[in-house]
Amino acid sequence: MTRHWSPLALVYLGLAITGLVGTWWFNALAIIQLRDFIGDLTSSGPAVSSITVDLLVVAVAGSAFLIVEARRLGMRFGWLYVAASGITAFAFTFPLFLAMRQRRMNQLAAASE
């Protein structure tokens, strides 16, 4: 591994990969079964709707944090993580951002020594 990958950054990277594989597994099933993806999120009962709203609010808050934190740390293209979540999954892009953020913080700490 390269120099700035800490164990915490690797945990975040592992979560990102799990989020990508897990969400896309079910996305592929929805496509194969010709499901109405958006309709299923809103009309499969109150429990599914509750989880949908819960995760949507977390994704919006996480997106705001992601953009602000990327700017604070001087990470370029922070907005790209948010945009990529629309075609992959926030369960992938947010832990990926956390891994890259941890790596950047390790870089900054090493540079200040």
N, C-alpha and C. Protein backbone atom coordinates (compact mmCIF):
# COMPACT_ATOMS: atom_id res chain seq x y z
N MET A 1 0.83 -1.19 0.00
CA MET A 1 0.00 0.00 0.00
C MET A 1 0.87 1.24 0.00
N THR A 2 0.29 2.31 -0.47
CA THR A 2 1.05 3.56 -0.49
C THR A 2 1.15 4.15 0.92
N ARG A 3 1.90 5.17 1.03
CA ARG A 3 2.32 5.71 2.31
C ARG A 3 1.21 6.24 3.21
N HIS A 4 0.17 6.82 2.69
CA HIS A 4 -0.80 7.52 3.52
C HIS A 4 -2.08 6.74 3.79
N TRP A 5 -2.09 5.45 3.50
CA TRP A 5 -3.28 4.63 3.76
C TRP A 5 -3.21 4.08 5.18
N SER A 6 -3.98 4.67 6.08
CA SER A 6 -4.02 4.20 7.47
C SER A 6 -5.03 3.07 7.60
N PRO A 7 -5.01 2.33 8.71
CA PRO A 7 -6.03 1.29 8.90
C PRO A 7 -7.45 1.84 8.82
N LEU A 8 -7.69 3.04 9.36
CA LEU A 8 -9.02 3.64 9.30
C LEU A 8 -9.43 3.93 7.86
N ALA A 9 -8.51 4.45 7.07
CA ALA A 9 -8.80 4.71 5.65
C ALA A 9 -9.14 3.41 4.93
N LEU A 10 -8.44 2.33 5.27
CA LEU A 10 -8.73 1.04 4.64
C LEU A 10 -10.09 0.48 5.06
N VAL A 11 -10.49 0.74 6.31
CA VAL A 11 -11.83 0.34 6.76
C VAL A 11 -12.88 1.07 5.94
N TYR A 12 -12.70 2.39 5.78
CA TYR A 12 -13.64 3.17 4.97
C TYR A 12 -13.67 2.66 3.52
N LEU A 13 -12.52 2.34 2.98
CA LEU A 13 -12.46 1.83 1.62
C LEU A 13 -13.20 0.48 1.51
N GLY A 14 -13.04 -0.36 2.50
CA GLY A 14 -13.77 -1.64 2.52
C GLY A 14 -15.28 -1.43 2.59
N LEU A 15 -15.71 -0.45 3.38
CA LEU A 15 -17.14 -0.13 3.45
C LEU A 15 -17.65 0.41 2.12
N ALA A 16 -16.84 1.20 1.44
CA ALA A 16 -17.23 1.72 0.13
C ALA A 16 -17.45 0.58 -0.86
N ILE A 17 -16.54 -0.37 -0.88
CA ILE A 17 -16.67 -1.51 -1.79
C ILE A 17 -17.90 -2.34 -1.43
N THR A 18 -18.13 -2.55 -0.13
CA THR A 18 -19.33 -3.27 0.32
C THR A 18 -20.60 -2.54 -0.10
N GLY A 19 -20.60 -1.20 0.04
CA GLY A 19 -21.75 -0.41 -0.37
C GLY A 19 -22.01 -0.49 -1.86
N LEU A 20 -20.97 -0.48 -2.65
CA LEU A 20 -21.13 -0.57 -4.10
C LEU A 20 -21.68 -1.93 -4.51
N VAL A 21 -21.06 -2.98 -4.01
CA VAL A 21 -21.49 -4.34 -4.39
C VAL A 21 -22.90 -4.62 -3.86
N GLY A 22 -23.17 -4.26 -2.61
CA GLY A 22 -24.48 -4.53 -2.02
C GLY A 22 -25.61 -3.81 -2.73
N THR A 23 -25.44 -2.53 -3.00
CA THR A 23 -26.52 -1.79 -3.66
C THR A 23 -26.69 -2.21 -5.10
N TRP A 24 -25.61 -2.43 -5.80
CA TRP A 24 -25.74 -2.81 -7.20
C TRP A 24 -26.26 -4.23 -7.38
N TRP A 25 -26.07 -5.09 -6.40
CA TRP A 25 -26.67 -6.42 -6.45
C TRP A 25 -28.19 -6.29 -6.52
N PHE A 26 -28.74 -5.46 -5.63
CA PHE A 26 -30.19 -5.28 -5.62
C PHE A 26 -30.68 -4.45 -6.79
N ASN A 27 -29.88 -3.51 -7.26
CA ASN A 27 -30.24 -2.76 -8.47
C ASN A 27 -30.34 -3.71 -9.66
N ALA A 28 -29.39 -4.62 -9.76
CA ALA A 28 -29.42 -5.59 -10.86
C ALA A 28 -30.66 -6.48 -10.76
N LEU A 29 -31.01 -6.91 -9.57
CA LEU A 29 -32.22 -7.71 -9.39
C LEU A 29 -33.46 -6.93 -9.82
N ALA A 30 -33.53 -5.65 -9.45
CA ALA A 30 -34.67 -4.82 -9.83
C ALA A 30 -34.77 -4.70 -11.35
N ILE A 31 -33.63 -4.55 -12.01
CA ILE A 31 -33.62 -4.44 -13.47
C ILE A 31 -34.04 -5.76 -14.11
N ILE A 32 -33.49 -6.86 -13.63
CA ILE A 32 -33.82 -8.19 -14.17
C ILE A 32 -35.31 -8.49 -14.00
N GLN A 33 -35.86 -8.10 -12.86
CA GLN A 33 -37.27 -8.37 -12.57
C GLN A 33 -38.20 -7.31 -13.15
N LEU A 34 -37.65 -6.32 -13.88
CA LEU A 34 -38.42 -5.23 -14.48
C LEU A 34 -39.29 -4.51 -13.45
N ARG A 35 -38.69 -4.21 -12.30
CA ARG A 35 -39.41 -3.54 -11.22
C ARG A 35 -39.44 -2.04 -11.46
N ASP A 36 -40.46 -1.39 -10.92
CA ASP A 36 -40.55 0.07 -10.91
C ASP A 36 -39.77 0.54 -9.69
N PHE A 37 -38.51 0.89 -9.90
CA PHE A 37 -37.60 1.17 -8.79
C PHE A 37 -38.12 2.28 -7.90
N ILE A 38 -38.47 3.43 -8.47
CA ILE A 38 -38.95 4.57 -7.69
C ILE A 38 -40.30 4.24 -7.05
N GLY A 39 -41.17 3.61 -7.80
CA GLY A 39 -42.47 3.24 -7.25
C GLY A 39 -42.35 2.30 -6.07
N ASP A 40 -41.43 1.35 -6.14
CA ASP A 40 -41.23 0.42 -5.04
C ASP A 40 -40.74 1.13 -3.77
N LEU A 41 -39.95 2.19 -3.94
CA LEU A 41 -39.45 2.93 -2.78
C LEU A 41 -40.56 3.64 -2.04
N THR A 42 -41.57 4.10 -2.76
CA THR A 42 -42.61 4.91 -2.13
C THR A 42 -43.91 4.16 -1.87
N SER A 43 -44.12 3.03 -2.50
CA SER A 43 -45.43 2.39 -2.36
C SER A 43 -45.36 0.98 -1.77
N SER A 44 -44.26 0.60 -1.21
CA SER A 44 -44.16 -0.75 -0.64
C SER A 44 -44.47 -0.76 0.85
N GLY A 45 -45.14 0.26 1.31
CA GLY A 45 -45.57 0.31 2.70
C GLY A 45 -44.85 1.35 3.52
N PRO A 46 -45.40 1.65 4.69
CA PRO A 46 -44.83 2.70 5.54
C PRO A 46 -43.40 2.41 6.00
N ALA A 47 -43.06 1.14 6.23
CA ALA A 47 -41.71 0.82 6.70
C ALA A 47 -40.66 1.16 5.65
N VAL A 48 -40.94 0.79 4.40
CA VAL A 48 -40.00 1.09 3.32
C VAL A 48 -39.93 2.60 3.10
N SER A 49 -41.06 3.27 3.17
CA SER A 49 -41.07 4.72 3.00
C SER A 49 -40.30 5.40 4.12
N SER A 50 -40.41 4.89 5.34
CA SER A 50 -39.67 5.44 6.47
C SER A 50 -38.17 5.31 6.25
N ILE A 51 -37.74 4.13 5.84
CA ILE A 51 -36.32 3.90 5.57
C ILE A 51 -35.84 4.79 4.43
N THR A 52 -36.67 4.96 3.41
CA THR A 52 -36.32 5.81 2.27
C THR A 52 -36.09 7.25 2.71
N VAL A 53 -37.03 7.79 3.49
CA VAL A 53 -36.88 9.17 3.98
C VAL A 53 -35.66 9.27 4.89
N ASP A 54 -35.48 8.31 5.76
CA ASP A 54 -34.34 8.30 6.67
C ASP A 54 -33.03 8.38 5.90
N LEU A 55 -32.88 7.51 4.92
CA LEU A 55 -31.63 7.47 4.17
C LEU A 55 -31.46 8.68 3.26
N LEU A 56 -32.55 9.21 2.76
CA LEU A 56 -32.48 10.41 1.93
C LEU A 56 -31.99 11.61 2.74
N VAL A 57 -32.51 11.76 3.95
CA VAL A 57 -32.06 12.86 4.81
C VAL A 57 -30.59 12.70 5.17
N VAL A 58 -30.18 11.48 5.49
CA VAL A 58 -28.76 11.23 5.80
C VAL A 58 -27.89 11.52 4.59
N ALA A 59 -28.34 11.14 3.40
CA ALA A 59 -27.56 11.39 2.18
C ALA A 59 -27.42 12.88 1.90
N VAL A 60 -28.46 13.65 2.14
CA VAL A 60 -28.38 15.11 1.92
C VAL A 60 -27.43 15.73 2.94
N ALA A 61 -27.56 15.35 4.21
CA ALA A 61 -26.65 15.88 5.24
C ALA A 61 -25.21 15.44 4.96
N GLY A 62 -25.03 14.20 4.58
CA GLY A 62 -23.69 13.70 4.25
C GLY A 62 -23.10 14.40 3.05
N SER A 63 -23.93 14.72 2.07
CA SER A 63 -23.45 15.44 0.89
C SER A 63 -22.97 16.84 1.25
N ALA A 64 -23.73 17.51 2.11
CA ALA A 64 -23.31 18.85 2.56
C ALA A 64 -21.98 18.76 3.31
N PHE A 65 -21.87 17.80 4.22
CA PHE A 65 -20.63 17.60 4.96
C PHE A 65 -19.47 17.31 4.01
N LEU A 66 -19.72 16.45 3.06
CA LEU A 66 -18.70 16.04 2.10
C LEU A 66 -18.13 17.24 1.34
N ILE A 67 -19.00 18.08 0.84
CA ILE A 67 -18.55 19.24 0.06
C ILE A 67 -17.78 20.22 0.93
N VAL A 68 -18.31 20.51 2.12
CA VAL A 68 -17.65 21.46 3.03
C VAL A 68 -16.30 20.91 3.49
N GLU A 69 -16.26 19.65 3.86
CA GLU A 69 -15.02 19.05 4.35
C GLU A 69 -13.96 18.94 3.25
N ALA A 70 -14.39 18.62 2.04
CA ALA A 70 -13.44 18.55 0.92
C ALA A 70 -12.80 19.92 0.69
N ARG A 71 -13.60 20.96 0.73
CA ARG A 71 -13.05 22.32 0.57
C ARG A 71 -12.10 22.67 1.71
N ARG A 72 -12.48 22.32 2.93
CA ARG A 72 -11.66 22.65 4.10
C ARG A 72 -10.29 21.99 4.01
N LEU A 73 -10.25 20.76 3.50
CA LEU A 73 -8.99 20.02 3.42
C LEU A 73 -8.24 20.23 2.10
N GLY A 74 -8.81 21.03 1.21
CA GLY A 74 -8.17 21.27 -0.08
C GLY A 74 -8.22 20.09 -1.02
N MET A 75 -9.27 19.27 -0.89
CA MET A 75 -9.44 18.12 -1.77
C MET A 75 -10.18 18.59 -3.01
N ARG A 76 -9.61 18.33 -4.16
CA ARG A 76 -10.24 18.75 -5.42
C ARG A 76 -11.39 17.82 -5.77
N PHE A 77 -12.37 18.36 -6.46
CA PHE A 77 -13.50 17.60 -7.01
C PHE A 77 -14.37 16.92 -5.95
N GLY A 78 -14.54 17.56 -4.80
CA GLY A 78 -15.40 17.01 -3.76
C GLY A 78 -16.83 16.81 -4.24
N TRP A 79 -17.29 17.71 -5.07
CA TRP A 79 -18.65 17.63 -5.62
C TRP A 79 -18.85 16.35 -6.45
N LEU A 80 -17.75 15.80 -6.97
CA LEU A 80 -17.86 14.62 -7.82
C LEU A 80 -18.36 13.39 -7.05
N TYR A 81 -18.04 13.32 -5.76
CA TYR A 81 -18.54 12.22 -4.94
C TYR A 81 -20.07 12.27 -4.86
N VAL A 82 -20.61 13.48 -4.70
CA VAL A 82 -22.06 13.65 -4.64
C VAL A 82 -22.69 13.30 -5.98
N ALA A 83 -22.10 13.80 -7.06
CA ALA A 83 -22.64 13.51 -8.39
C ALA A 83 -22.57 12.02 -8.71
N ALA A 84 -21.48 11.38 -8.33
CA ALA A 84 -21.31 9.95 -8.61
C ALA A 84 -22.30 9.09 -7.81
N SER A 85 -22.78 9.61 -6.69
CA SER A 85 -23.73 8.83 -5.90
C SER A 85 -25.05 8.63 -6.64
N GLY A 86 -25.34 9.51 -7.60
CA GLY A 86 -26.55 9.36 -8.40
C GLY A 86 -26.49 8.19 -9.37
N ILE A 87 -25.28 7.80 -9.76
CA ILE A 87 -25.16 6.67 -10.70
C ILE A 87 -24.58 5.42 -10.04
N THR A 88 -24.04 5.56 -8.85
CA THR A 88 -23.57 4.38 -8.12
C THR A 88 -24.47 4.22 -6.89
N ALA A 89 -24.03 4.73 -5.77
CA ALA A 89 -24.83 4.73 -4.54
C ALA A 89 -24.10 5.57 -3.50
N PHE A 90 -24.85 6.26 -2.66
CA PHE A 90 -24.23 7.03 -1.59
C PHE A 90 -23.52 6.09 -0.61
N ALA A 91 -24.01 4.85 -0.52
CA ALA A 91 -23.36 3.83 0.32
C ALA A 91 -21.97 3.49 -0.20
N PHE A 92 -21.68 3.86 -1.44
CA PHE A 92 -20.34 3.69 -2.01
C PHE A 92 -19.55 4.98 -1.92
N THR A 93 -20.13 6.10 -2.39
CA THR A 93 -19.35 7.34 -2.50
C THR A 93 -19.01 7.95 -1.16
N PHE A 94 -19.90 7.84 -0.15
CA PHE A 94 -19.59 8.46 1.13
C PHE A 94 -18.43 7.76 1.84
N PRO A 95 -18.45 6.42 1.99
CA PRO A 95 -17.27 5.79 2.59
C PRO A 95 -16.01 5.97 1.75
N LEU A 96 -16.16 6.03 0.42
CA LEU A 96 -15.00 6.30 -0.43
C LEU A 96 -14.43 7.68 -0.11
N PHE A 97 -15.31 8.67 0.02
CA PHE A 97 -14.86 10.00 0.41
C PHE A 97 -14.16 9.96 1.77
N LEU A 98 -14.75 9.24 2.74
CA LEU A 98 -14.13 9.16 4.06
C LEU A 98 -12.74 8.54 3.98
N ALA A 99 -12.56 7.53 3.13
CA ALA A 99 -11.23 6.92 2.95
C ALA A 99 -10.26 7.94 2.37
N MET A 100 -10.69 8.66 1.36
CA MET A 100 -9.81 9.65 0.72
C MET A 100 -9.55 10.83 1.67
N ARG A 101 -10.55 11.18 2.47
CA ARG A 101 -10.39 12.25 3.46
C ARG A 101 -9.35 11.84 4.50
N GLN A 102 -9.44 10.60 4.99
CA GLN A 102 -8.47 10.12 5.97
C GLN A 102 -7.07 10.10 5.38
N ARG A 103 -6.98 9.68 4.14
CA ARG A 103 -5.69 9.67 3.44
C ARG A 103 -5.13 11.09 3.33
N ARG A 104 -5.99 12.04 2.99
CA ARG A 104 -5.56 13.45 2.88
C ARG A 104 -5.12 13.98 4.23
N MET A 105 -5.84 13.65 5.29
CA MET A 105 -5.45 14.11 6.61
C MET A 105 -4.10 13.51 7.02
N ASN A 106 -3.86 12.25 6.64
CA ASN A 106 -2.56 11.64 6.90
C ASN A 106 -1.46 12.34 6.12
N GLN A 107 -1.76 12.71 4.88
CA GLN A 107 -0.80 13.45 4.05
C GLN A 107 -0.45 14.78 4.69
N LEU A 108 -1.47 15.52 5.12
CA LEU A 108 -1.25 16.83 5.74
C LEU A 108 -0.47 16.71 7.04
N ALA A 109 -0.75 15.66 7.83
CA ALA A 109 -0.03 15.44 9.08
C ALA A 109 1.44 15.12 8.80
N ALA A 110 1.69 14.31 7.78
CA ALA A 110 3.07 13.95 7.44
C ALA A 110 3.83 15.16 6.91
N ALA A 111 3.16 16.02 6.17
CA ALA A 111 3.81 17.20 5.62
C ALA A 111 4.16 18.22 6.69
N SER A 112 3.40 18.23 7.80
CA SER A 112 3.66 19.21 8.85
C SER A 112 4.75 18.76 9.81
N GLU A 113 5.20 17.52 9.68
CA GLU A 113 6.25 17.00 10.58
C GLU A 113 7.61 17.47 10.17
